């Protein structure tokens, strides 16, 4: 497989054969938008254009808990994304106003498999 675009809300990201890396961001949002949606859209534009970006899966519950998993070719790609100037500002804004709490985990994916039900089945 080749580098993938972001998944649709109802379809997991299509990813290459491992190994690759997963960055798991789990967060609880604060009340209100406060510019979050626009900044999130901009971060998606930037991340998907970065070398080494493979795809993303994301879900958020009504209670504000969200989990976003971004997939990257290697640790260098993750480090370059972390150092992006706009991403650095967004992280600071997140701590200041958008997140009540969050956790970040970086993992190397060694094995992966997927299933898609055939249309009409």
N, C-alpha and C. Protein backbone atom coordinates (compact mmCIF):
# COMPACT_ATOMS: atom_id res chain seq x y z
N UNK A 1 0.84 -1.19 0.00
CA UNK A 1 0.00 0.00 0.00
C UNK A 1 0.87 1.25 0.00
N UNK A 2 0.28 2.36 -0.38
CA UNK A 2 0.99 3.63 -0.38
C UNK A 2 0.50 4.50 0.76
N UNK A 3 1.12 5.66 0.90
CA UNK A 3 0.66 6.59 1.94
C UNK A 3 -0.82 6.86 1.74
N UNK A 4 -1.55 6.98 2.83
CA UNK A 4 -3.00 7.08 2.77
C UNK A 4 -3.48 8.47 3.13
N UNK A 5 -4.65 8.80 2.62
CA UNK A 5 -5.35 10.02 3.00
C UNK A 5 -6.08 9.75 4.30
N UNK A 6 -6.59 10.80 4.94
CA UNK A 6 -7.36 10.59 6.17
C UNK A 6 -8.58 9.73 5.90
N UNK A 7 -8.96 8.93 6.87
CA UNK A 7 -10.14 8.10 6.76
C UNK A 7 -11.40 8.94 6.84
N UNK A 8 -12.46 8.44 6.25
CA UNK A 8 -13.75 9.09 6.42
C UNK A 8 -14.24 8.76 7.83
N UNK A 9 -15.26 9.47 8.32
CA UNK A 9 -15.73 9.20 9.69
C UNK A 9 -16.20 7.75 9.88
N UNK A 10 -16.62 7.08 8.80
CA UNK A 10 -17.15 5.74 8.94
C UNK A 10 -16.20 4.67 8.41
N UNK A 11 -14.96 5.01 8.12
CA UNK A 11 -14.03 4.06 7.53
C UNK A 11 -12.65 4.25 8.14
N UNK A 12 -12.05 3.18 8.66
CA UNK A 12 -10.70 3.32 9.23
C UNK A 12 -9.67 3.71 8.17
N UNK A 13 -8.58 4.30 8.62
CA UNK A 13 -7.50 4.68 7.72
C UNK A 13 -6.95 3.45 7.02
N UNK A 14 -6.62 3.61 5.76
CA UNK A 14 -5.97 2.56 4.98
C UNK A 14 -4.47 2.78 5.13
N UNK A 15 -3.77 1.76 5.61
CA UNK A 15 -2.36 1.94 5.98
C UNK A 15 -1.47 0.94 5.28
N UNK A 16 -0.17 1.27 5.20
CA UNK A 16 0.77 0.35 4.58
C UNK A 16 1.09 -0.83 5.49
N UNK A 17 1.86 -1.75 4.98
CA UNK A 17 2.33 -2.85 5.80
C UNK A 17 3.22 -2.30 6.91
N UNK A 18 3.12 -2.86 8.12
CA UNK A 18 4.00 -2.44 9.22
C UNK A 18 5.45 -2.80 8.88
N UNK A 19 6.39 -2.19 9.57
CA UNK A 19 6.18 -1.33 10.73
C UNK A 19 5.93 0.12 10.34
N UNK A 20 5.18 0.79 11.19
CA UNK A 20 4.95 2.24 11.14
C UNK A 20 4.61 2.65 12.56
N UNK A 21 4.34 3.91 12.78
CA UNK A 21 4.10 4.41 14.14
C UNK A 21 2.68 4.96 14.28
N UNK A 22 2.14 4.80 15.47
CA UNK A 22 0.83 5.34 15.82
C UNK A 22 1.01 6.32 16.97
N UNK A 23 0.47 7.53 16.81
CA UNK A 23 0.45 8.52 17.88
C UNK A 23 -0.99 8.58 18.37
N UNK A 24 -1.21 8.15 19.59
CA UNK A 24 -2.55 8.07 20.17
C UNK A 24 -2.74 9.25 21.10
N UNK A 25 -3.69 10.12 20.73
CA UNK A 25 -3.98 11.32 21.52
C UNK A 25 -5.39 11.17 22.09
N UNK A 26 -5.49 11.03 23.39
CA UNK A 26 -6.77 10.89 24.08
C UNK A 26 -6.98 12.15 24.90
N UNK A 27 -8.14 12.80 24.71
CA UNK A 27 -8.36 14.09 25.38
C UNK A 27 -9.80 14.27 25.80
N UNK A 28 -9.96 15.05 26.84
CA UNK A 28 -11.28 15.50 27.29
C UNK A 28 -11.34 16.99 26.98
N UNK A 29 -12.33 17.38 26.18
CA UNK A 29 -12.50 18.78 25.78
C UNK A 29 -13.14 19.59 26.89
N UNK A 30 -12.86 20.88 26.87
CA UNK A 30 -13.56 21.83 27.72
C UNK A 30 -14.86 22.22 27.02
N UNK A 31 -15.70 22.98 27.68
CA UNK A 31 -16.95 23.45 27.10
C UNK A 31 -16.68 24.51 26.03
N UNK A 32 -17.48 24.53 24.99
CA UNK A 32 -17.40 25.57 23.96
C UNK A 32 -16.33 25.28 22.93
N UNK A 33 -16.44 25.96 21.80
CA UNK A 33 -15.51 25.74 20.69
C UNK A 33 -14.25 26.58 20.82
N UNK A 34 -14.38 27.87 21.07
CA UNK A 34 -13.25 28.79 21.26
C UNK A 34 -12.22 28.70 20.13
N UNK A 35 -12.70 28.49 18.90
CA UNK A 35 -11.81 28.41 17.75
C UNK A 35 -11.23 27.03 17.48
N UNK A 36 -11.66 26.04 18.26
CA UNK A 36 -11.12 24.69 18.13
C UNK A 36 -11.36 24.08 16.75
N UNK A 37 -12.59 24.16 16.25
CA UNK A 37 -12.92 23.51 14.98
C UNK A 37 -12.07 24.04 13.83
N UNK A 38 -11.91 25.34 13.76
CA UNK A 38 -11.10 25.93 12.70
C UNK A 38 -9.64 25.52 12.83
N UNK A 39 -9.12 25.52 14.05
CA UNK A 39 -7.72 25.15 14.25
C UNK A 39 -7.53 23.66 13.96
N UNK A 40 -8.48 22.83 14.36
CA UNK A 40 -8.40 21.40 14.09
C UNK A 40 -8.36 21.15 12.58
N UNK A 41 -9.19 21.86 11.84
CA UNK A 41 -9.20 21.73 10.38
C UNK A 41 -7.84 22.13 9.80
N UNK A 42 -7.27 23.20 10.30
CA UNK A 42 -5.96 23.64 9.82
C UNK A 42 -4.87 22.62 10.16
N UNK A 43 -4.93 22.05 11.36
CA UNK A 43 -3.94 21.04 11.73
C UNK A 43 -4.04 19.81 10.82
N UNK A 44 -5.27 19.44 10.45
CA UNK A 44 -5.45 18.32 9.53
C UNK A 44 -4.82 18.63 8.17
N UNK A 45 -5.03 19.86 7.68
CA UNK A 45 -4.42 20.26 6.41
C UNK A 45 -2.90 20.15 6.48
N UNK A 46 -2.34 20.66 7.55
CA UNK A 46 -0.88 20.65 7.70
C UNK A 46 -0.34 19.23 7.86
N UNK A 47 -0.96 18.45 8.73
CA UNK A 47 -0.46 17.09 9.00
C UNK A 47 -0.50 16.22 7.75
N UNK A 48 -1.62 16.29 7.02
CA UNK A 48 -1.75 15.42 5.85
C UNK A 48 -0.74 15.78 4.76
N UNK A 49 -0.21 17.00 4.78
CA UNK A 49 0.78 17.42 3.78
C UNK A 49 2.21 17.08 4.20
N UNK A 50 2.40 16.64 5.44
CA UNK A 50 3.75 16.36 5.95
C UNK A 50 4.29 15.06 5.37
N UNK A 51 5.58 15.05 5.02
CA UNK A 51 6.20 13.79 4.63
C UNK A 51 6.11 12.79 5.79
N UNK A 52 5.79 11.56 5.48
CA UNK A 52 5.71 10.52 6.50
C UNK A 52 4.34 10.33 7.10
N UNK A 53 3.39 11.26 6.85
CA UNK A 53 2.03 11.09 7.36
C UNK A 53 1.35 9.98 6.57
N UNK A 54 0.70 9.03 7.27
CA UNK A 54 0.06 7.89 6.62
C UNK A 54 -1.46 7.90 6.69
N UNK A 55 -2.03 8.49 7.73
CA UNK A 55 -3.48 8.48 7.88
C UNK A 55 -3.87 8.85 9.30
N UNK A 56 -5.19 8.86 9.51
CA UNK A 56 -5.69 9.25 10.84
C UNK A 56 -7.06 8.61 11.08
N UNK A 57 -7.31 8.24 12.32
CA UNK A 57 -8.62 7.78 12.77
C UNK A 57 -8.96 8.62 13.99
N UNK A 58 -10.23 9.03 14.10
CA UNK A 58 -10.61 9.89 15.21
C UNK A 58 -12.07 9.66 15.58
N UNK A 59 -12.36 9.73 16.87
CA UNK A 59 -13.73 9.60 17.36
C UNK A 59 -13.87 10.45 18.61
N UNK A 60 -15.06 11.02 18.80
CA UNK A 60 -15.33 11.82 20.00
C UNK A 60 -16.73 11.47 20.50
N UNK A 61 -16.83 11.23 21.80
CA UNK A 61 -18.11 10.94 22.42
C UNK A 61 -18.82 12.21 22.85
N UNK A 62 -20.10 12.08 23.13
CA UNK A 62 -20.91 13.21 23.56
C UNK A 62 -20.40 13.79 24.88
N UNK A 63 -19.69 12.99 25.65
CA UNK A 63 -19.15 13.44 26.94
C UNK A 63 -17.88 14.27 26.79
N UNK A 64 -17.40 14.46 25.54
CA UNK A 64 -16.21 15.27 25.31
C UNK A 64 -14.92 14.47 25.20
N UNK A 65 -14.95 13.17 25.52
CA UNK A 65 -13.76 12.34 25.39
C UNK A 65 -13.52 12.01 23.93
N UNK A 66 -12.32 12.28 23.47
CA UNK A 66 -11.98 11.99 22.09
C UNK A 66 -10.68 11.20 22.00
N UNK A 67 -10.59 10.38 20.98
CA UNK A 67 -9.37 9.63 20.71
C UNK A 67 -9.02 9.83 19.24
N UNK A 68 -7.82 10.33 19.01
CA UNK A 68 -7.32 10.49 17.65
C UNK A 68 -6.02 9.72 17.54
N UNK A 69 -5.95 8.88 16.52
CA UNK A 69 -4.74 8.12 16.26
C UNK A 69 -4.22 8.57 14.90
N UNK A 70 -3.03 9.17 14.89
CA UNK A 70 -2.39 9.51 13.62
C UNK A 70 -1.28 8.50 13.39
N UNK A 71 -1.08 8.17 12.11
CA UNK A 71 -0.13 7.14 11.73
C UNK A 71 1.00 7.78 10.92
N UNK A 72 2.23 7.37 11.23
CA UNK A 72 3.42 7.97 10.64
C UNK A 72 4.40 6.90 10.21
N UNK A 73 5.14 7.18 9.17
CA UNK A 73 6.12 6.24 8.64
C UNK A 73 7.23 5.95 9.64
N UNK A 74 7.73 6.99 10.34
CA UNK A 74 8.89 6.80 11.22
C UNK A 74 8.91 7.87 12.32
N UNK A 75 9.80 7.68 13.26
CA UNK A 75 9.90 8.62 14.39
C UNK A 75 10.35 10.00 13.94
N UNK A 76 11.15 10.08 12.89
CA UNK A 76 11.60 11.37 12.38
C UNK A 76 10.42 12.19 11.86
N UNK A 77 9.47 11.54 11.23
CA UNK A 77 8.27 12.24 10.75
C UNK A 77 7.45 12.79 11.91
N UNK A 78 7.34 12.01 12.97
CA UNK A 78 6.61 12.46 14.16
C UNK A 78 7.32 13.66 14.78
N UNK A 79 8.63 13.58 14.89
CA UNK A 79 9.41 14.68 15.47
C UNK A 79 9.27 15.95 14.64
N UNK A 80 9.29 15.82 13.32
CA UNK A 80 9.14 16.99 12.45
C UNK A 80 7.76 17.62 12.63
N UNK A 81 6.73 16.81 12.78
CA UNK A 81 5.37 17.33 13.01
C UNK A 81 5.32 18.05 14.36
N UNK A 82 5.94 17.47 15.36
CA UNK A 82 5.95 18.09 16.69
C UNK A 82 6.62 19.46 16.64
N UNK A 83 7.62 19.63 15.81
CA UNK A 83 8.36 20.89 15.72
C UNK A 83 7.71 21.91 14.80
N UNK A 84 6.67 21.55 14.08
CA UNK A 84 5.98 22.49 13.20
C UNK A 84 5.50 23.70 14.02
N UNK A 85 5.77 24.89 13.54
CA UNK A 85 5.47 26.11 14.30
C UNK A 85 3.98 26.26 14.59
N UNK A 86 3.11 26.04 13.61
CA UNK A 86 1.66 26.17 13.85
C UNK A 86 1.17 25.09 14.79
N UNK A 87 1.71 23.89 14.68
CA UNK A 87 1.32 22.80 15.58
C UNK A 87 1.75 23.12 17.01
N UNK A 88 2.90 23.73 17.17
CA UNK A 88 3.38 24.14 18.50
C UNK A 88 2.41 25.14 19.13
N UNK A 89 1.96 26.13 18.34
CA UNK A 89 0.98 27.10 18.85
C UNK A 89 -0.35 26.43 19.19
N UNK A 90 -0.78 25.49 18.36
CA UNK A 90 -2.04 24.79 18.62
C UNK A 90 -1.95 23.98 19.92
N UNK A 91 -0.82 23.35 20.16
CA UNK A 91 -0.66 22.60 21.42
C UNK A 91 -0.76 23.53 22.62
N UNK A 92 -0.15 24.70 22.52
CA UNK A 92 -0.23 25.67 23.62
C UNK A 92 -1.67 26.13 23.83
N UNK A 93 -2.40 26.41 22.75
CA UNK A 93 -3.80 26.79 22.87
C UNK A 93 -4.63 25.66 23.46
N UNK A 94 -4.30 24.43 23.11
CA UNK A 94 -5.00 23.28 23.67
C UNK A 94 -4.87 23.21 25.17
N UNK A 95 -3.66 23.41 25.66
CA UNK A 95 -3.45 23.38 27.12
C UNK A 95 -4.14 24.57 27.80
N UNK A 96 -4.17 25.71 27.11
CA UNK A 96 -4.75 26.92 27.70
C UNK A 96 -6.27 26.92 27.70
N UNK A 97 -6.89 26.38 26.62
CA UNK A 97 -8.34 26.56 26.53
C UNK A 97 -9.17 25.38 26.03
N UNK A 98 -8.63 24.44 25.27
CA UNK A 98 -9.48 23.42 24.64
C UNK A 98 -9.56 22.10 25.38
N UNK A 99 -8.55 21.79 26.19
CA UNK A 99 -8.53 20.47 26.83
C UNK A 99 -8.55 20.57 28.34
N UNK A 100 -9.44 19.77 28.96
CA UNK A 100 -9.44 19.64 30.41
C UNK A 100 -8.31 18.70 30.82
N UNK A 101 -8.05 17.70 29.98
CA UNK A 101 -6.94 16.77 30.20
C UNK A 101 -6.64 16.05 28.90
N UNK A 102 -5.42 15.54 28.80
CA UNK A 102 -5.08 14.71 27.63
C UNK A 102 -3.91 13.81 27.96
N UNK A 103 -3.76 12.78 27.15
CA UNK A 103 -2.62 11.86 27.22
C UNK A 103 -2.17 11.57 25.80
N UNK A 104 -0.88 11.38 25.62
CA UNK A 104 -0.31 11.10 24.32
C UNK A 104 0.56 9.86 24.44
N UNK A 105 0.39 8.94 23.51
CA UNK A 105 1.18 7.71 23.49
C UNK A 105 1.71 7.51 22.07
N UNK A 106 2.97 7.14 21.96
CA UNK A 106 3.57 6.84 20.66
C UNK A 106 3.95 5.37 20.68
N UNK A 107 3.50 4.64 19.67
CA UNK A 107 3.76 3.20 19.62
C UNK A 107 4.20 2.78 18.22
N UNK A 108 5.07 1.82 18.17
CA UNK A 108 5.48 1.23 16.89
C UNK A 108 4.51 0.09 16.58
N UNK A 109 3.90 0.14 15.42
CA UNK A 109 2.96 -0.90 14.99
C UNK A 109 3.76 -2.00 14.30
N UNK A 110 3.70 -3.18 14.87
CA UNK A 110 4.43 -4.33 14.33
C UNK A 110 3.55 -5.23 13.47
N UNK A 111 2.27 -5.31 13.83
CA UNK A 111 1.32 -6.14 13.08
C UNK A 111 0.02 -5.36 12.93
N UNK A 112 -0.68 -5.61 11.83
CA UNK A 112 -1.97 -4.98 11.62
C UNK A 112 -2.78 -5.83 10.64
N UNK A 113 -4.07 -5.81 10.82
CA UNK A 113 -4.97 -6.43 9.85
C UNK A 113 -6.27 -5.66 9.84
N UNK A 114 -7.03 -5.83 8.78
CA UNK A 114 -8.28 -5.07 8.63
C UNK A 114 -9.35 -5.96 8.00
N UNK A 115 -10.59 -5.55 8.15
CA UNK A 115 -11.73 -6.23 7.55
C UNK A 115 -12.69 -5.20 7.03
N UNK A 116 -13.21 -5.42 5.85
CA UNK A 116 -14.28 -4.58 5.30
C UNK A 116 -15.35 -5.51 4.74
N UNK A 117 -16.56 -5.34 5.22
CA UNK A 117 -17.68 -6.15 4.74
C UNK A 117 -17.95 -5.81 3.29
N UNK A 118 -18.07 -6.80 2.43
CA UNK A 118 -18.37 -6.53 1.02
C UNK A 118 -19.72 -5.82 0.87
N UNK A 119 -19.81 -4.94 -0.10
CA UNK A 119 -21.07 -4.22 -0.36
C UNK A 119 -22.19 -5.22 -0.59
N UNK A 120 -23.33 -4.96 0.03
CA UNK A 120 -24.51 -5.82 -0.15
C UNK A 120 -24.50 -7.08 0.67
N UNK A 121 -23.46 -7.30 1.48
CA UNK A 121 -23.40 -8.53 2.28
C UNK A 121 -24.10 -8.35 3.61
